[in-house]
Protein backbone atom coordinates (compact mmCIF):
# COMPACT_ATOMS: atom_id res chain seq x y z
CA MET A 1 163.00 195.30 15.97
CA THR A 2 162.48 199.08 16.10
CA PRO A 3 165.08 201.03 14.09
CA PRO A 4 167.12 203.70 15.87
CA ILE A 5 165.47 206.44 13.76
CA LEU A 6 162.36 206.61 11.58
CA PRO A 7 163.08 208.63 8.42
CA ALA A 8 159.50 208.33 7.04
CA CYS A 9 160.64 209.06 3.46
CA ARG A 10 162.36 212.33 4.31
CA PRO A 11 165.12 213.51 1.98
CA LEU A 12 168.79 212.78 2.54
CA LEU A 13 171.87 213.79 0.54
CA LEU A 14 174.89 211.66 -0.24
CA GLY A 15 177.59 214.20 0.53
CA SER A 16 179.24 215.90 -2.43
CA LEU A 17 178.08 219.27 -3.77
CA PRO A 18 179.53 221.63 -6.39
CA GLY A 19 181.17 224.92 -5.48
CA THR A 20 183.99 226.02 -3.23
CA ASP A 21 182.22 227.93 -0.43
CA PRO A 22 181.54 225.64 2.55
CA ILE A 23 179.16 228.11 4.22
CA ASP A 24 177.00 228.30 1.09
CA ALA A 25 177.13 224.52 0.84
CA VAL A 26 175.88 224.09 4.41
CA ASP A 27 173.06 226.55 3.73
CA THR A 28 172.14 224.43 0.69
CA VAL A 29 172.09 221.26 2.78
CA PHE A 30 169.68 222.77 5.30
CA ARG A 31 167.52 224.28 2.56
CA TYR A 32 166.76 220.85 1.09
CA THR A 33 167.35 218.35 3.92
CA PRO A 34 166.72 220.14 7.25
CA ASP A 35 165.74 217.00 9.18
CA PHE A 36 168.74 214.91 8.17
CA PRO A 37 171.56 217.29 7.22
CA CYS A 38 174.95 215.99 6.14
CA TRP A 39 178.30 217.69 5.92
CA PRO A 40 179.00 218.71 2.31
CA GLN A 41 182.06 217.36 0.53
CA LEU A 42 183.39 219.88 -2.00
CA PRO A 43 185.54 218.03 -4.56
CA GLN A 44 185.97 221.15 -6.68
CA ILE A 45 188.32 222.45 -3.97
CA GLU A 46 191.85 221.27 -4.76
CA ASN A 47 192.54 219.61 -1.40
CA GLU A 48 189.10 218.10 -0.87
CA THR A 49 188.86 215.00 -3.00
CA ILE A 50 187.47 212.05 -1.09
CA LEU A 51 190.80 210.23 -1.38
CA GLN A 52 192.65 213.12 0.24
CA GLN A 53 190.08 213.47 3.00
CA PHE A 54 190.43 209.91 4.22
CA SER A 55 193.99 208.86 3.39
CA SER A 56 195.64 211.80 5.13
CA GLY A 57 197.83 210.37 7.91
CA LEU A 58 198.35 207.00 6.24
CA PRO A 59 202.04 205.99 5.90
CA GLY A 60 203.49 206.15 2.40
CA ILE A 61 200.96 208.44 0.72
CA THR A 62 202.79 210.76 -1.68
CA SER A 63 200.50 212.63 -4.10
CA PHE A 64 197.09 212.85 -5.73
CA THR A 65 195.79 213.21 -9.26
CA PRO A 66 192.10 213.48 -10.22
CA GLY A 67 190.47 210.24 -9.09
CA TYR A 68 193.67 208.58 -7.91
CA GLY A 69 196.38 208.73 -5.27
CA SER A 70 199.98 207.55 -5.14
CA TYR A 71 202.00 205.78 -2.49
CA THR A 72 205.46 204.38 -1.87
CA VAL A 73 206.11 201.54 0.54
CA PRO A 74 207.06 203.25 3.80
CA LEU A 75 209.76 202.22 6.23
CA GLN A 76 208.71 199.58 8.72
CA GLU A 77 209.30 202.11 11.48
CA GLU A 78 206.55 204.33 10.02
CA ILE A 79 204.08 201.45 9.96
CA ASP A 80 205.01 200.50 13.53
CA LEU A 81 204.49 204.10 14.65
CA PHE A 82 201.07 204.16 12.97
CA SER A 83 200.07 200.90 14.65
CA ALA A 84 201.25 202.10 18.05
CA GLU A 85 199.23 205.31 17.72
CA TYR A 86 196.15 203.33 16.67
CA GLU A 87 196.43 201.09 19.72
CA ALA A 88 196.96 204.10 21.98
CA VAL A 89 193.77 205.76 20.69
CA VAL A 90 191.71 202.57 20.93
CA SER A 91 192.90 201.92 24.49
CA SER A 92 192.29 205.60 25.46
CA GLN A 93 195.97 206.12 26.26
CA CYS A 94 196.07 208.84 23.61
CA ASN A 95 193.58 211.64 22.91
CA HIS A 96 191.75 210.75 19.72
CA GLY A 97 191.24 214.43 18.92
CA THR A 98 194.97 215.14 18.75
CA SER A 99 195.89 212.01 16.82
CA ARG A 100 196.26 211.48 13.09
CA PHE A 101 192.87 209.75 13.04
CA VAL A 102 190.76 212.88 12.59
CA LEU A 103 189.46 214.99 9.74
CA ASP A 104 190.86 218.50 9.32
CA ASP A 105 189.64 221.81 7.98
CA LYS A 106 192.22 221.75 5.17
CA HIS A 107 190.59 218.70 3.58
CA CYS A 108 187.06 218.80 5.01
CA SER A 109 185.96 222.43 5.20
CA GLY A 110 182.31 221.42 4.79
CA LEU A 111 182.37 219.33 7.96
CA PHE A 112 183.70 222.18 10.06
CA ALA A 113 181.27 224.66 8.49
CA LEU A 114 178.45 222.28 9.45
CA LEU A 115 179.72 221.94 13.02
CA ARG A 116 179.94 225.73 13.38
CA HIS A 117 176.43 226.11 11.97
CA LEU A 118 175.00 223.54 14.38
CA GLU A 119 176.79 225.14 17.32
CA HIS A 120 175.57 228.63 16.41
CA THR A 121 171.95 227.80 15.55
CA LYS A 122 171.29 225.08 18.18
CA ILE A 123 168.91 223.61 15.62
CA ASN A 124 167.13 220.32 16.38
CA THR A 125 167.60 217.62 13.77
CA ALA A 126 166.38 214.03 13.59
CA SER A 127 169.96 212.97 12.92
CA VAL A 128 173.13 214.28 11.29
CA LYS A 129 175.00 212.40 8.58
CA GLY A 130 178.71 211.98 7.98
CA GLN A 131 180.55 209.80 5.51
CA ILE A 132 183.83 208.07 4.72
CA ILE A 133 185.25 206.53 1.58
CA GLY A 134 184.81 202.77 1.38
CA PRO A 135 187.87 200.60 2.00
CA LEU A 136 187.63 198.83 -1.38
CA THR A 137 187.54 202.18 -3.18
CA LEU A 138 190.45 203.62 -1.19
CA LEU A 139 192.59 200.49 -1.58
CA THR A 140 191.91 200.31 -5.32
CA CYS A 141 192.37 203.95 -6.27
CA ILE A 142 195.72 204.53 -4.53
CA LYS A 143 198.59 202.97 -6.51
CA ASP A 144 202.38 202.99 -6.55
CA SER A 145 204.53 204.09 -9.49
CA GLN A 146 204.16 200.65 -11.10
CA GLY A 147 200.37 200.77 -10.90
CA THR A 148 200.15 198.31 -8.01
CA PRO A 149 197.11 199.16 -5.86
CA LEU A 150 197.36 199.67 -2.15
CA TYR A 151 195.46 196.46 -1.37
CA SER A 152 198.49 194.46 -2.56
CA HIS A 153 200.52 195.67 0.44
CA ARG A 154 198.95 193.72 3.29
CA GLN A 155 200.31 195.85 6.13
CA LEU A 156 199.24 199.11 4.51
CA CYS A 157 195.88 197.56 3.64
CA HIS A 158 195.34 196.81 7.33
CA CYS A 159 196.47 200.33 8.29
CA ALA A 160 194.04 201.87 5.79
CA VAL A 161 191.07 200.04 7.32
CA GLN A 162 192.14 201.13 10.80
CA MET A 163 192.47 204.72 9.54
CA LEU A 164 188.96 204.68 8.10
CA ALA A 165 187.50 203.09 11.21
CA LEU A 166 188.89 205.74 13.55
CA LYS A 167 188.07 208.65 11.23
CA ALA A 168 184.50 207.37 11.16
CA ARG A 169 184.50 207.03 14.96
CA TRP A 170 185.84 210.57 15.37
CA GLN A 171 183.05 211.90 13.15
CA VAL A 172 180.44 210.22 15.33
CA GLN A 173 182.02 211.78 18.42
CA GLN A 174 181.80 215.25 16.87
CA LEU A 175 178.28 214.85 15.50
CA ARG A 176 176.89 213.39 18.73
CA ARG A 177 177.12 216.86 20.25
CA TYR A 178 174.15 217.69 18.01
CA SER A 179 172.42 214.34 17.44
CA ASP A 180 171.87 211.32 19.67
CA ARG A 181 172.41 208.89 16.78
CA PRO A 182 174.51 210.26 13.93
CA ILE A 183 174.60 208.39 10.63
CA ILE A 184 177.87 207.45 8.92
CA PHE A 185 177.68 206.28 5.32
CA ILE A 186 180.50 204.29 3.75
CA ASP A 187 180.63 205.40 0.11
CA GLU A 188 181.77 202.33 -1.82
CA PRO A 189 181.51 202.75 -5.62
CA MET A 190 184.13 200.02 -6.20
CA LEU A 191 182.02 197.36 -4.53
CA PHE A 192 180.82 196.31 -7.99
CA ALA A 193 184.35 194.97 -8.66
CA LEU A 194 184.55 192.54 -5.75
CA GLY A 195 185.04 189.01 -7.05
CA LYS A 196 186.11 190.30 -10.47
CA PRO A 197 189.65 190.31 -12.01
CA MET A 198 190.25 193.96 -11.08
CA LEU A 199 190.17 192.98 -7.37
CA PRO A 200 191.88 189.59 -7.38
CA GLU A 201 193.42 189.82 -3.92
CA ILE A 202 190.34 190.84 -1.91
CA SER A 203 187.86 188.10 -1.07
CA SER A 204 184.35 188.30 0.33
CA ARG A 205 185.83 187.25 3.66
CA ASP A 206 188.30 190.16 3.51
CA PHE A 207 185.46 192.54 2.68
CA LEU A 208 183.36 191.40 5.64
CA ALA A 209 186.34 191.68 7.98
CA MET A 210 186.98 195.27 6.84
CA TYR A 211 183.38 196.28 7.39
CA THR A 212 183.19 194.52 10.74
CA GLU A 213 186.15 196.63 11.91
CA ILE A 214 184.72 199.92 10.65
CA PHE A 215 181.15 199.26 11.83
CA ARG A 216 182.39 198.25 15.27
CA HIS A 217 183.97 201.66 15.80
CA ILE A 218 180.93 203.52 14.45
CA ARG A 219 178.59 201.61 16.75
CA ASP A 220 180.84 201.84 19.80
CA ALA A 221 180.77 205.63 19.41
CA GLY A 222 176.95 205.65 19.15
CA GLY A 223 176.54 205.96 15.39
CA ILE A 224 174.35 204.31 12.76
CA CYS A 225 176.09 202.39 9.96
CA GLY A 226 175.17 202.89 6.31
CA ILE A 227 176.56 201.74 2.96
CA HIS A 228 176.06 203.66 -0.28
CA VAL A 229 176.59 201.87 -3.60
CA CYS A 230 175.67 203.76 -6.74
CA GLY A 231 175.78 200.80 -9.12
CA SER A 232 175.41 197.07 -9.43
CA THR A 233 176.85 194.84 -6.70
CA ASP A 234 176.47 191.62 -4.72
CA TRP A 235 173.62 192.70 -2.45
CA LEU A 236 173.64 189.43 -0.53
CA LEU A 237 177.17 190.28 0.56
CA VAL A 238 176.09 193.78 1.63
CA LEU A 239 173.20 192.31 3.59
CA ALA A 240 175.66 189.94 5.29
CA THR A 241 177.35 192.90 6.98
CA GLU A 242 175.90 194.59 10.06
CA VAL A 243 174.73 197.54 7.97
CA GLU A 244 171.70 199.49 9.21
CA ILE A 245 171.00 201.67 6.13
CA ILE A 246 171.41 200.49 2.55
CA SER A 247 171.61 203.37 0.08
CA PHE A 248 171.19 202.30 -3.54
CA ASP A 249 170.48 203.66 -7.00
CA ALA A 250 166.77 202.84 -7.23
CA PHE A 251 166.46 204.60 -10.58
CA HIS A 252 168.96 202.59 -12.65
CA TYR A 253 169.94 199.55 -10.54
CA HIS A 254 166.93 198.62 -8.43
CA ARG A 255 166.21 195.20 -9.89
CA GLU A 256 169.06 193.21 -8.31
CA LEU A 257 168.30 194.37 -4.77
CA LEU A 258 164.51 194.38 -4.93
CA LEU A 259 164.44 190.81 -6.20
CA LEU A 260 165.87 189.73 -2.82
CA ARG A 261 162.48 190.21 -1.19
CA GLN A 262 162.92 187.66 1.61
CA GLU A 263 166.37 188.95 2.53
CA ILE A 264 165.21 192.58 2.44
CA TRP A 265 162.33 191.84 4.79
CA HIS A 266 164.69 190.10 7.19
CA PHE A 267 166.77 193.30 7.07
CA ILE A 268 163.73 195.57 7.54
CA ASN A 269 162.26 193.47 10.36
CA ASN A 270 165.58 193.70 12.19
CA GLY A 271 165.46 197.49 12.13
CA GLY A 272 167.20 198.10 8.81
CA MET A 273 166.44 201.10 6.61
CA LEU A 274 166.51 201.68 2.85
CA ALA A 275 167.65 204.89 1.13
CA PHE A 276 165.93 204.90 -2.25
CA GLY A 277 168.09 206.78 -4.76
CA MET A 278 165.12 207.87 -6.85
CA VAL A 279 166.35 211.14 -8.39
CA PRO A 280 168.89 210.64 -11.20
CA THR A 281 172.03 212.76 -11.18
CA ASP A 282 172.75 212.34 -14.89
CA THR A 283 171.24 215.32 -16.63
CA ILE A 284 169.65 213.43 -19.53
CA SER A 285 167.61 211.20 -17.22
CA LEU A 286 166.77 214.12 -14.93
CA MET A 287 165.36 216.17 -17.82
CA GLN A 288 163.05 213.29 -18.76
CA GLU A 289 161.54 212.96 -15.27
CA ASN A 290 159.29 214.95 -12.96
CA VAL A 291 157.93 214.39 -9.48
CA SER A 292 154.90 212.46 -10.73
CA SER A 293 156.94 210.08 -12.88
CA LEU A 294 159.45 209.45 -10.09
CA PHE A 295 156.60 208.88 -7.65
CA ALA A 296 155.17 206.25 -10.00
CA LYS A 297 158.56 204.51 -10.13
CA TRP A 298 158.82 204.60 -6.34
CA MET A 299 155.32 203.17 -6.01
CA THR A 300 156.30 200.31 -8.28
CA HIS A 301 159.23 199.51 -5.98
CA ILE A 302 157.03 199.67 -2.88
CA ASN A 303 154.37 197.44 -4.43
CA GLU A 304 157.05 194.90 -5.38
CA LEU A 305 158.25 194.75 -1.79
CA GLY A 306 155.14 195.41 0.31
CA GLY A 307 152.36 192.90 0.03
CA ASN A 308 149.94 194.45 2.52
CA VAL A 309 149.16 197.62 4.44
CA LEU A 310 151.44 196.81 7.36
CA ASP A 311 154.35 196.04 5.04
CA ARG A 312 153.92 199.28 3.11
CA GLU A 313 153.61 201.28 6.35
CA ARG A 314 156.87 199.79 7.61
CA LEU A 315 158.63 200.49 4.32
CA PHE A 316 157.39 204.07 4.41
CA GLN A 317 158.63 204.61 7.97
CA GLN A 318 162.02 202.98 7.37
CA SER A 319 162.98 204.65 4.09
CA PHE A 320 164.80 207.78 2.93
CA ILE A 321 164.50 209.47 -0.47
CA THR A 322 167.85 210.46 -2.00
CA PRO A 323 169.53 211.33 -5.27
CA THR A 324 171.18 208.38 -7.00
CA CYS A 325 174.63 209.78 -6.20
CA GLY A 326 176.41 212.91 -5.06
CA THR A 327 176.25 216.07 -7.18
CA GLY A 328 179.78 217.35 -6.65
CA ARG A 329 180.75 217.06 -10.32
CA LEU A 330 177.61 218.79 -11.63
CA THR A 331 177.15 222.48 -12.26
CA ALA A 332 175.45 224.53 -9.56
CA GLU A 333 172.27 224.69 -11.66
CA GLN A 334 172.21 220.94 -12.29
CA SER A 335 172.84 220.19 -8.63
CA THR A 336 170.04 222.52 -7.55
CA ALA A 337 167.65 220.75 -9.90
CA VAL A 338 168.56 217.37 -8.37
CA LEU A 339 168.28 218.59 -4.77
CA GLN A 340 165.01 220.42 -5.40
CA MET A 341 163.44 217.39 -7.06
CA THR A 342 164.61 215.16 -4.19
CA ALA A 343 162.95 217.43 -1.64
CA GLU A 344 159.79 217.76 -3.74
CA LEU A 345 159.52 214.00 -4.31
CA SER A 346 159.93 213.36 -0.58
CA SER A 347 157.21 215.91 0.21
CA TYR A 348 154.93 214.45 -2.46
CA ILE A 349 155.32 210.93 -1.06
CA ARG A 350 154.66 212.07 2.51
CA ASN A 351 151.65 214.16 1.52
CA ARG A 352 150.15 211.20 -0.34
CA LYS A 353 151.00 208.68 2.36
CA ASP A 354 147.43 207.56 3.01
CA ASP A 355 146.74 207.03 -0.70
CA THR A 356 150.06 205.22 -1.11
CA ILE A 357 149.78 202.85 1.84
CA TYR A 358 146.12 202.24 2.46
CA HIS A 359 144.77 201.94 -1.08
């Protein structure tokens, strides 16, 4: 099956950048990833943590601290009002753009700076990328005053998934003005905890149901579904979703995924794409690497997966090159080093394509 886009090892970013100026951040995105720009998340701005961006509008949310949010159990009337508004948007009885299921400039200034840039420049891009927080991460990191996570409240858990699904759908609707097939990544760092004691009430079945709901809305709006996991996880479970792009840390955590050679080729042959997180975002590792050393690591991955010329050609065409994670918590200088090396590694791979694939 032909994938909806062919990245051909071009660079892609994972969202977060340092700084507080959204216009500068958008300029940075286009400087390093002009073919596949994303909207920059700016967590150093007080109101722009990823939890705030995607829980706004959810009943019961009260406050935020670094890395966490708080909630109180809302009145049933508030939950019923949320559910009624969700149904009205889904059935087109209510304008999605005026509902609670949108992103706003107060929490997502980078998105609106990107939209203004695209409208002003009329630039042609291969695709445009948006992102949402993963449901496991949201439901785990928002807790009540007793430390009980949001996933323990079944009604609010369901509301949170619906909120994420429609915020993802709204992003696709906005980005489709500038790209036929926008990409939406679900950033899910807590996926490593599924099946472990810290997530006792969420099963694999629950996880798949959440992702089915979110992916359905992304696809119905014309988007491409991606998952980003920056650590170890159950990759068979990820592959069991209807994901189209798997973004993984190929520098530190490649072994678990790349060992699933048969399952990966089933994914690739059905139009799936891989985003190789080759450039480390921890400064110690970054200082020890250069483009040549990262290229050698990437070649090792490709040789493990691709047994012949046709396999390696397909892997080349259906892969992105990315950092291992976002750079929003780095200094400006450290982030620039990561982004520059990502762009240079991508260029190096593409310039050496014939040597890489055919020899």
